[in-house]
C-alpha atoms as a PDB file:
ATOM      1  CA  MET A   1     -58.588  23.488 118.567  1.00  0.00           C
ATOM      2  CA  ASN A   2     -58.629  22.443 122.343  1.00  0.00           C
ATOM      3  CA  HIS A   3     -61.740  24.034 123.780  1.00  0.00           C
ATOM      4  CA  PRO A   4     -62.005  24.652 127.565  1.00  0.00           C
ATOM      5  CA  SER A   5     -64.637  22.776 129.447  1.00  0.00           C
ATOM      6  CA  GLU A   6     -67.726  24.300 131.145  1.00  0.00           C
ATOM      7  CA  ASP A   7     -66.225  23.816 134.523  1.00  0.00           C
ATOM      8  CA  GLN A   8     -63.235  26.068 133.633  1.00  0.00           C
ATOM      9  CA  PHE A   9     -65.655  28.605 132.509  1.00  0.00           C
ATOM     10  CA  LEU A  10     -67.591  28.529 135.880  1.00  0.00           C
ATOM     11  CA  LYS A  11     -64.126  28.622 137.624  1.00  0.00           C
ATOM     12  CA  LEU A  12     -63.257  31.636 135.626  1.00  0.00           C
ATOM     13  CA  TRP A  13     -66.526  33.529 136.121  1.00  0.00           C
ATOM     14  CA  LEU A  14     -66.152  32.497 139.874  1.00  0.00           C
ATOM     15  CA  GLU A  15     -62.337  33.813 139.715  1.00  0.00           C
ATOM     16  CA  VAL A  16     -60.925  30.704 141.325  1.00  0.00           C
ATOM     17  CA  LEU A  17     -58.558  29.858 138.279  1.00  0.00           C
ATOM     18  CA  ASP A  18     -54.856  30.211 138.688  1.00  0.00           C
ATOM     19  CA  ASP A  19     -53.256  32.971 136.651  1.00  0.00           C
ATOM     20  CA  GLY A  20     -51.887  30.778 134.146  1.00  0.00           C
ATOM     21  CA  GLU A  21     -55.192  28.836 133.452  1.00  0.00           C
ATOM     22  CA  THR A  22     -57.144  32.450 133.520  1.00  0.00           C
ATOM     23  CA  ARG A  23     -54.675  34.108 130.895  1.00  0.00           C
ATOM     24  CA  SER A  24     -55.263  30.798 128.539  1.00  0.00           C
ATOM     25  CA  VAL A  25     -59.081  30.576 128.888  1.00  0.00           C
ATOM     26  CA  ARG A  26     -59.422  34.474 128.141  1.00  0.00           C
ATOM     27  CA  GLU A  27     -57.024  34.367 125.134  1.00  0.00           C
ATOM     28  CA  HIS A  28     -59.350  31.352 123.814  1.00  0.00           C
ATOM     29  CA  LEU A  29     -62.468  33.421 124.537  1.00  0.00           C
ATOM     30  CA  GLN A  30     -61.102  36.165 122.387  1.00  0.00           C
ATOM     31  CA  GLU A  31     -60.422  33.869 119.439  1.00  0.00           C
ATOM     32  CA  CYS A  32     -63.335  31.394 119.666  1.00  0.00           C
ATOM     33  CA  SER A  33     -66.896  32.872 119.098  1.00  0.00           C
ATOM     34  CA  GLU A  34     -68.651  29.419 119.953  1.00  0.00           C
ATOM     35  CA  CYS A  35     -66.888  29.230 123.387  1.00  0.00           C
ATOM     36  CA  ARG A  36     -67.774  33.120 124.053  1.00  0.00           C
ATOM     37  CA  VAL A  37     -71.399  32.098 123.504  1.00  0.00           C
ATOM     38  CA  ARG A  38     -71.161  29.220 125.837  1.00  0.00           C
ATOM     39  CA  TYR A  39     -69.340  31.241 128.504  1.00  0.00           C
ATOM     40  CA  GLU A  40     -71.981  34.211 128.523  1.00  0.00           C
ATOM     41  CA  ARG A  41     -74.739  31.450 128.857  1.00  0.00           C
ATOM     42  CA  ILE A  42     -72.906  30.003 131.898  1.00  0.00           C
ATOM     43  CA  CYS A  43     -72.226  33.631 133.136  1.00  0.00           C
ATOM     44  CA  ALA A  44     -76.206  34.469 132.731  1.00  0.00           C
ATOM     45  CA  GLN A  45     -77.331  31.151 134.249  1.00  0.00           C
ATOM     46  CA  THR A  46     -75.150  31.564 137.386  1.00  0.00           C
ATOM     47  CA  ALA A  47     -76.258  35.493 137.705  1.00  0.00           C
ATOM     48  CA  ALA A  48     -79.780  33.875 137.642  1.00  0.00           C
ATOM     49  CA  LEU A  49     -79.218  31.626 140.405  1.00  0.00           C
ATOM     50  CA  GLY A  50     -77.566  34.034 142.632  1.00  0.00           C
ATOM     51  CA  SER A  51     -80.749  36.184 142.696  1.00  0.00           C
ATOM     52  CA  VAL A  52     -83.039  33.244 143.692  1.00  0.00           C
ATOM     53  CA  ARG A  53     -84.070  33.380 147.273  1.00  0.00           C
ATOM     54  CA  ALA A  54     -85.334  30.341 149.100  1.00  0.00           C
ATOM     55  CA  ARG A  55     -88.917  30.719 150.530  1.00  0.00           C
ATOM     56  CA  ILE A  56     -88.750  27.667 152.430  1.00  0.00           C
ATOM     57  CA  GLU A  57     -87.125  28.172 156.008  1.00  0.00           C
ATOM     58  CA  PRO A  58     -85.202  25.128 157.363  1.00  0.00           C
ATOM     59  CA  PRO A  59     -87.142  23.312 159.959  1.00  0.00           C
ATOM     60  CA  ALA A  60     -86.266  24.090 163.443  1.00  0.00           C
ATOM     61  CA  VAL A  61     -84.094  21.505 164.973  1.00  0.00           C
ATOM     62  CA  PRO A  62     -85.000  20.998 168.597  1.00  0.00           C
ATOM     63  CA  VAL A  63     -82.099  21.792 170.733  1.00  0.00           C
ATOM     64  CA  LYS A  64     -81.564  19.056 173.607  1.00  0.00           C
ATOM     65  CA  ARG A  65     -81.353  20.789 176.718  1.00  0.00           C
ATOM     66  CA  THR A  66     -79.089  19.398 179.379  1.00  0.00           C
ATOM     67  CA  ARG A  67     -79.477  19.942 183.134  1.00  0.00           C
ATOM     68  CA  VAL A  68     -76.350  21.374 185.044  1.00  0.00           C
ATOM     69  CA  TYR A  69     -76.235  20.123 188.533  1.00  0.00           C
ATOM     70  CA  ARG A  70     -74.355  22.374 190.758  1.00  0.00           C
ATOM     71  CA  PHE A  71     -74.078  20.045 193.513  1.00  0.00           C
ATOM     72  CA  SER A  72     -73.161  16.889 191.384  1.00  0.00           C
ATOM     73  CA  PRO A  73     -69.898  16.181 192.950  1.00  0.00           C
ATOM     74  CA  LEU A  74     -71.366  16.422 196.609  1.00  0.00           C
ATOM     75  CA  LEU A  75     -74.103  14.447 195.674  1.00  0.00           C
ATOM     76  CA  LYS A  76     -71.985  11.853 194.291  1.00  0.00           C
ATOM     77  CA  ALA A  77     -69.589  11.676 197.385  1.00  0.00           C
ATOM     78  CA  ALA A  78     -72.768  11.455 199.577  1.00  0.00           C
ATOM     79  CA  ALA A  79     -74.080   8.441 197.480  1.00  0.00           C
ATOM     80  CA  LEU A  80     -70.619   6.904 197.466  1.00  0.00           C
ATOM     81  CA  LEU A  81     -70.574   7.325 201.444  1.00  0.00           C
ATOM     82  CA  VAL A  82     -74.066   5.775 201.805  1.00  0.00           C
ATOM     83  CA  VAL A  83     -73.528   2.723 199.327  1.00  0.00           C
ATOM     84  CA  GLY A  84     -69.928   2.193 201.212  1.00  0.00           C
ATOM     85  CA  PHE A  85     -71.628   2.029 204.557  1.00  0.00           C
ATOM     86  CA  PHE A  86     -74.511  -0.131 203.874  1.00  0.00           C
ATOM     87  CA  GLY A  87     -71.986  -2.423 201.817  1.00  0.00           C
ATOM     88  CA  GLY A  88     -69.815  -2.585 204.946  1.00  0.00           C
ATOM     89  CA  LEU A  89     -72.549  -3.543 207.212  1.00  0.00           C
ATOM     90  CA  ALA A  90     -73.670  -6.313 204.718  1.00  0.00           C
ATOM     91  CA  ALA A  91     -70.009  -7.698 204.517  1.00  0.00           C
ATOM     92  CA  ALA A  92     -69.461  -7.363 208.134  1.00  0.00           C
ATOM     93  CA  ASP A  93     -72.696  -9.679 208.542  1.00  0.00           C
ATOM     94  CA  LEU A  94     -71.199 -12.189 206.143  1.00  0.00           C
ATOM     95  CA  VAL A  95     -67.880 -12.348 207.709  1.00  0.00           C
ATOM     96  CA  ARG A  96     -68.908 -12.370 211.330  1.00  0.00           C
ATOM     97  CA  LYS A  97     -68.757 -15.624 213.190  1.00  0.00           C
ATOM     98  CA  PRO A  98     -71.897 -16.649 214.957  1.00  0.00           C
ATOM     99  CA  GLU A  99     -71.693 -15.852 218.677  1.00  0.00           C
ATOM    100  CA  ILE A 100     -71.762 -18.650 221.120  1.00  0.00           C
ATOM    101  CA  HIS A 101     -73.194 -17.887 224.708  1.00  0.00           C
ATOM    102  CA  VAL A 102     -72.037 -20.027 227.279  1.00  0.00           C
ATOM    103  CA  VAL A 103     -74.039 -19.826 230.421  1.00  0.00           C
ATOM    104  CA  PRO A 104     -72.524 -21.662 233.570  1.00  0.00           C
ATOM    105  CA  SER A 105     -74.923 -24.351 235.287  1.00  0.00           C
ATOM    106  CA  TYR A 106     -74.638 -22.667 238.624  1.00  0.00           C
ATOM    107  CA  LEU A 107     -76.415 -19.557 237.090  1.00  0.00           C
ATOM    108  CA  ILE A 108     -79.394 -21.607 235.611  1.00  0.00           C
ATOM    109  CA  VAL A 109     -82.459 -20.979 237.851  1.00  0.00           C
ATOM    110  CA  SER A 110     -84.531 -24.064 237.887  1.00  0.00           C
ATOM    111  CA  THR A 111     -86.461 -25.788 240.703  1.00  0.00           C
ATOM    112  CA  PRO A 112     -84.548 -28.378 242.677  1.00  0.00           C
ATOM    113  CA  PRO A 113     -85.464 -31.815 242.703  1.00  0.00           C
ATOM    114  CA  ASP A 114     -87.620 -32.893 245.707  1.00  0.00           C
ATOM    115  CA  SER A 115     -84.924 -35.005 247.439  1.00  0.00           C
ATOM    116  CA  VAL A 116     -82.657 -31.696 248.013  1.00  0.00           C
ATOM    117  CA  ALA A 117     -85.676 -29.339 249.024  1.00  0.00           C
ATOM    118  CA  ARG A 118     -86.645 -28.974 252.538  1.00  0.00           C
ATOM    119  CA  CYS A 119     -90.260 -28.919 251.734  1.00  0.00           C
ATOM    120  CA  PRO A 120     -92.075 -30.071 248.659  1.00  0.00           C
ATOM    121  CA  VAL A 121     -91.889 -28.028 245.678  1.00  0.00           C
ATOM    122  CA  SER A 122     -94.965 -26.819 243.948  1.00  0.00           C
ATOM    123  CA  ASP A 123     -95.639 -24.320 241.151  1.00  0.00           C
ATOM    124  CA  ALA A 124     -96.488 -21.480 243.587  1.00  0.00           C
ATOM    125  CA  THR A 125     -93.299 -21.650 245.369  1.00  0.00           C
ATOM    126  CA  ALA A 126     -91.242 -22.132 242.456  1.00  0.00           C
ATOM    127  CA  ALA A 127     -92.200 -18.973 241.374  1.00  0.00           C
ATOM    128  CA  HIS A 128     -90.494 -17.182 244.283  1.00  0.00           C
ATOM    129  CA  LEU A 129     -87.136 -19.101 243.902  1.00  0.00           C
ATOM    130  CA  PRO A 130     -84.240 -16.912 243.452  1.00  0.00           C
END
């Protein structure tokens, strides 16, 4: 005789067997007293487990709080403008050619040599030259 497994008895008690298996297991239980005892024991054990309540509460899991910035897109745009502005200044300094200042010689103010001056040139008179 082919006896059903304890898994099949448990599935019968939980009512998750399909119709054909349910019918065959119930017919076997009517004929086999040994399987009836096993089935009743499984039913009693599962009923006892169903009435047990857990006394320990699960630990509280800390929830990670995230900040929501309302002005986030505006701040990102402002930061991008600032970085772009200063980056452009730095790039312009790297690319800029050095400025060469040419001053014509006739604009250079200096004391004339003594041979050209009408009177001897001293430090006191050199300060008043145009």
